């Protein structure tokens, strides 16, 4: 029997919502998921490692990758490029491996356009007040930058209607649990399991 194709999972959400923490919890629970490390032109934050959190490249290198059609999607966010390698994603999916992408709403829309079967999940905070508290608690941005991030968050949340699922990150354990439930449900879709009924109904 041929290898079943992997699921392409897109996780988006505003800055400060806790995507990285939820992803860490997910990858601890499902070690068979491949997390695609995005390319970016932004500077590394304290504690971030190249090839682990992001693949950090120059703007010139990123624009070369765009011109060579090496990216599944890319977007510019707060003055920096972010993008996903097309070759690596295709290889993993063909091997039957589930692939998780952490990308912004612009990039998610491009992925859905090129891969309609992708599962889009939007992570939202319990409230805008809680998001503000989380951004302040990070202590990495000036007040005016935080205000811009909050306004950007409001804009991004308006785009959540284009996603398949909404998950509230009230607690990391609950949010990651809901995402795992979504992935289990996606695996059980009739269209993805019709091959299992062929022997029962007598089809080859």
Protein backbone atom coordinates (compact mmCIF):
# COMPACT_ATOMS: atom_id res chain seq x y z
CA UNK A 1 0.00 0.00 0.00
CA UNK A 2 1.35 3.46 -0.87
CA UNK A 3 2.37 5.79 1.92
CA UNK A 4 -0.53 7.94 3.11
CA UNK A 5 0.14 11.62 2.47
CA UNK A 6 0.83 13.75 5.52
CA UNK A 7 -1.39 16.55 6.81
CA UNK A 8 -0.33 20.15 6.24
CA UNK A 9 -1.26 22.13 9.36
CA UNK A 10 -1.07 25.92 9.48
CA UNK A 11 -1.08 27.68 12.86
CA UNK A 12 -1.49 31.44 12.94
CA UNK A 13 -2.19 34.01 15.62
CA UNK A 14 -1.22 37.50 16.73
CA UNK A 15 2.17 38.32 18.22
CA UNK A 16 2.21 37.49 21.92
CA UNK A 17 -0.65 34.96 21.80
CA UNK A 18 1.72 32.14 22.75
CA UNK A 19 2.16 30.20 19.51
CA UNK A 20 5.72 29.11 20.32
CA UNK A 21 4.72 27.73 23.73
CA UNK A 22 1.71 25.89 22.30
CA UNK A 23 3.85 24.47 19.49
CA UNK A 24 6.41 23.19 22.03
CA UNK A 25 3.60 21.44 23.91
CA UNK A 26 2.26 19.96 20.67
CA UNK A 27 5.64 18.64 19.59
CA UNK A 28 6.15 17.06 23.01
CA UNK A 29 2.82 15.23 22.67
CA UNK A 30 3.22 14.32 18.97
CA UNK A 31 6.87 13.67 18.20
CA UNK A 32 5.94 12.47 14.70
CA UNK A 33 4.99 16.00 13.57
CA UNK A 34 7.61 17.88 11.53
CA UNK A 35 7.79 21.55 12.49
CA UNK A 36 8.86 23.62 9.51
CA UNK A 37 11.37 26.29 10.56
CA UNK A 38 10.58 29.46 8.63
CA UNK A 39 13.09 31.74 6.96
CA UNK A 40 13.15 35.36 8.09
CA UNK A 41 15.12 38.56 7.56
CA UNK A 42 14.52 39.88 11.09
CA UNK A 43 17.28 39.93 13.70
CA UNK A 44 17.34 37.06 16.22
CA UNK A 45 15.87 37.82 19.65
CA UNK A 46 17.74 36.93 22.82
CA UNK A 47 17.84 33.15 23.21
CA UNK A 48 16.86 32.38 19.60
CA UNK A 49 19.08 30.04 17.58
CA UNK A 50 19.54 29.91 13.82
CA UNK A 51 17.92 26.80 12.36
CA UNK A 52 15.91 26.19 15.53
CA UNK A 53 13.58 29.16 15.96
CA UNK A 54 14.07 30.54 12.45
CA UNK A 55 16.49 30.31 9.57
CA UNK A 56 17.92 33.83 9.69
CA UNK A 57 18.96 35.18 6.28
CA UNK A 58 19.73 38.54 4.70
CA UNK A 59 17.11 40.46 2.76
CA UNK A 60 19.16 39.87 -0.42
CA UNK A 61 19.16 36.09 0.11
CA UNK A 62 15.43 36.05 0.83
CA UNK A 63 14.66 38.00 -2.33
CA UNK A 64 16.81 35.53 -4.29
CA UNK A 65 14.66 32.69 -2.88
CA UNK A 66 11.50 34.55 -3.98
CA UNK A 67 12.85 34.99 -7.51
CA UNK A 68 13.84 31.29 -7.70
CA UNK A 69 10.33 30.16 -6.55
CA UNK A 70 11.83 28.27 -3.60
CA UNK A 71 9.10 29.29 -1.15
CA UNK A 72 5.66 27.80 -0.55
CA UNK A 73 4.61 31.16 0.83
CA UNK A 74 6.15 34.37 2.07
CA UNK A 75 4.96 37.62 3.58
CA UNK A 76 6.34 40.87 4.87
CA UNK A 77 5.40 41.60 8.49
CA UNK A 78 6.46 44.71 10.44
CA UNK A 79 9.25 45.39 7.93
CA UNK A 80 10.68 41.86 7.76
CA UNK A 81 10.20 38.93 5.39
CA UNK A 82 9.00 35.50 6.60
CA UNK A 83 8.70 32.44 4.37
CA UNK A 84 8.47 28.63 4.12
CA UNK A 85 10.64 26.28 2.06
CA UNK A 86 8.58 24.56 -0.66
CA UNK A 87 10.98 21.64 -1.27
CA UNK A 88 11.15 20.46 2.36
CA UNK A 89 7.37 20.63 2.82
CA UNK A 90 6.67 18.57 -0.30
CA UNK A 91 9.20 15.91 0.67
CA UNK A 92 7.79 15.46 4.17
CA UNK A 93 4.14 15.32 3.04
CA UNK A 94 4.94 12.72 0.35
CA UNK A 95 6.65 10.61 3.03
CA UNK A 96 3.39 10.62 5.03
CA UNK A 97 4.72 13.00 7.67
CA UNK A 98 2.42 15.66 9.17
CA UNK A 99 3.91 19.14 8.75
CA UNK A 100 3.21 22.09 11.07
CA UNK A 101 3.69 25.66 9.86
CA UNK A 102 3.72 28.72 12.11
CA UNK A 103 2.92 31.59 9.74
CA UNK A 104 1.12 34.93 9.58
CA UNK A 105 -2.32 35.40 8.04
CA UNK A 106 -0.92 36.66 4.71
CA UNK A 107 1.17 33.54 4.32
CA UNK A 108 -1.67 31.27 5.47
CA UNK A 109 -3.92 32.61 2.71
CA UNK A 110 -1.22 31.82 0.14
CA UNK A 111 -0.78 28.29 1.50
CA UNK A 112 -4.55 27.67 1.29
CA UNK A 113 -4.53 28.89 -2.30
CA UNK A 114 -1.71 26.53 -3.30
CA UNK A 115 -2.72 23.66 -0.98
CA UNK A 116 -6.54 23.68 -0.51
CA UNK A 117 -6.32 20.55 1.66
CA UNK A 118 -4.26 22.38 4.31
CA UNK A 119 -5.84 22.60 7.79
CA UNK A 120 -5.83 26.21 9.02
CA UNK A 121 -5.97 26.86 12.78
CA UNK A 122 -6.08 30.34 14.29
CA UNK A 123 -4.89 30.82 17.88
CA UNK A 124 -6.59 33.68 19.71
CA UNK A 125 -6.05 35.18 23.19
CA UNK A 126 -8.83 35.10 25.82
CA UNK A 127 -9.10 38.90 25.44
CA UNK A 128 -7.22 41.89 24.04
CA UNK A 129 -6.41 42.90 27.63
CA UNK A 130 -4.73 39.55 28.26
CA UNK A 131 -2.79 39.87 25.00
CA UNK A 132 -1.56 43.30 26.12
CA UNK A 133 -0.43 41.82 29.45
CA UNK A 134 1.48 39.05 27.67
CA UNK A 135 3.22 41.49 25.33
CA UNK A 136 4.25 43.70 28.25
CA UNK A 137 5.42 40.66 30.24
CA UNK A 138 7.82 39.68 27.41
CA UNK A 139 9.66 42.94 28.06
CA UNK A 140 11.21 42.95 24.58
CA UNK A 141 9.41 45.87 22.90
CA UNK A 142 8.97 49.59 23.48
CA UNK A 143 5.46 50.82 24.33
CA UNK A 144 4.82 52.19 20.82
CA UNK A 145 5.82 48.82 19.31
CA UNK A 146 3.40 47.03 21.64
CA UNK A 147 0.61 49.38 20.57
CA UNK A 148 1.37 48.59 16.93
CA UNK A 149 1.31 44.87 17.70
CA UNK A 150 -2.07 45.19 19.43
CA UNK A 151 -3.53 47.04 16.47
CA UNK A 152 -2.07 44.42 14.14
CA UNK A 153 -3.63 41.73 16.35
CA UNK A 154 -7.08 43.30 15.91
CA UNK A 155 -6.60 43.30 12.12
CA UNK A 156 -5.40 39.68 12.10
CA UNK A 157 -8.31 38.48 14.25
CA UNK A 158 -10.69 39.87 11.62
CA UNK A 159 -9.08 37.42 9.16
CA UNK A 160 -9.80 34.43 11.43
CA UNK A 161 -13.10 33.86 9.57
CA UNK A 162 -11.02 32.35 6.75
CA UNK A 163 -9.61 29.63 9.01
CA UNK A 164 -11.01 26.15 9.57
CA UNK A 165 -10.68 26.23 13.37
CA UNK A 166 -10.34 28.78 16.18
CA UNK A 167 -8.51 27.80 19.37
CA UNK A 168 -8.41 30.03 22.47
CA UNK A 169 -5.04 30.00 24.22
CA UNK A 170 -6.31 30.43 27.76
CA UNK A 171 -3.94 27.74 29.03
CA UNK A 172 -1.24 26.05 26.97
CA UNK A 173 -2.36 22.53 27.91
CA UNK A 174 -5.98 23.17 26.94
CA UNK A 175 -5.05 24.89 23.66
CA UNK A 176 -2.63 22.16 22.58
CA UNK A 177 -5.20 19.53 23.58
CA UNK A 178 -7.80 21.11 21.32
CA UNK A 179 -5.34 21.18 18.42
CA UNK A 180 -4.52 17.50 18.93
CA UNK A 181 -8.26 16.76 18.86
CA UNK A 182 -8.58 18.69 15.60
CA UNK A 183 -5.77 16.68 14.03
CA UNK A 184 -7.32 13.40 15.17
CA UNK A 185 -10.68 14.44 13.68
CA UNK A 186 -9.04 15.43 10.39
CA UNK A 187 -7.48 11.95 10.15
CA UNK A 188 -10.97 10.43 10.45
CA UNK A 189 -12.57 12.34 7.57
CA UNK A 190 -14.42 9.89 5.31
CA UNK A 191 -12.65 11.12 2.18
CA UNK A 192 -9.29 10.27 3.74
CA UNK A 193 -10.32 6.75 4.80
CA UNK A 194 -12.39 5.50 1.88
CA UNK A 195 -9.46 3.25 0.88
CA UNK A 196 -10.07 1.31 4.09
CA UNK A 197 -13.59 0.30 2.97
CA UNK A 198 -12.55 -1.12 -0.40
CA UNK A 199 -11.86 -4.60 0.93
CA UNK A 200 -15.15 -4.56 2.85
CA UNK A 201 -17.32 -3.64 -0.13
CA UNK A 202 -15.38 -5.87 -2.49
CA UNK A 203 -13.55 -3.22 -4.52
CA UNK A 204 -9.92 -3.54 -5.56
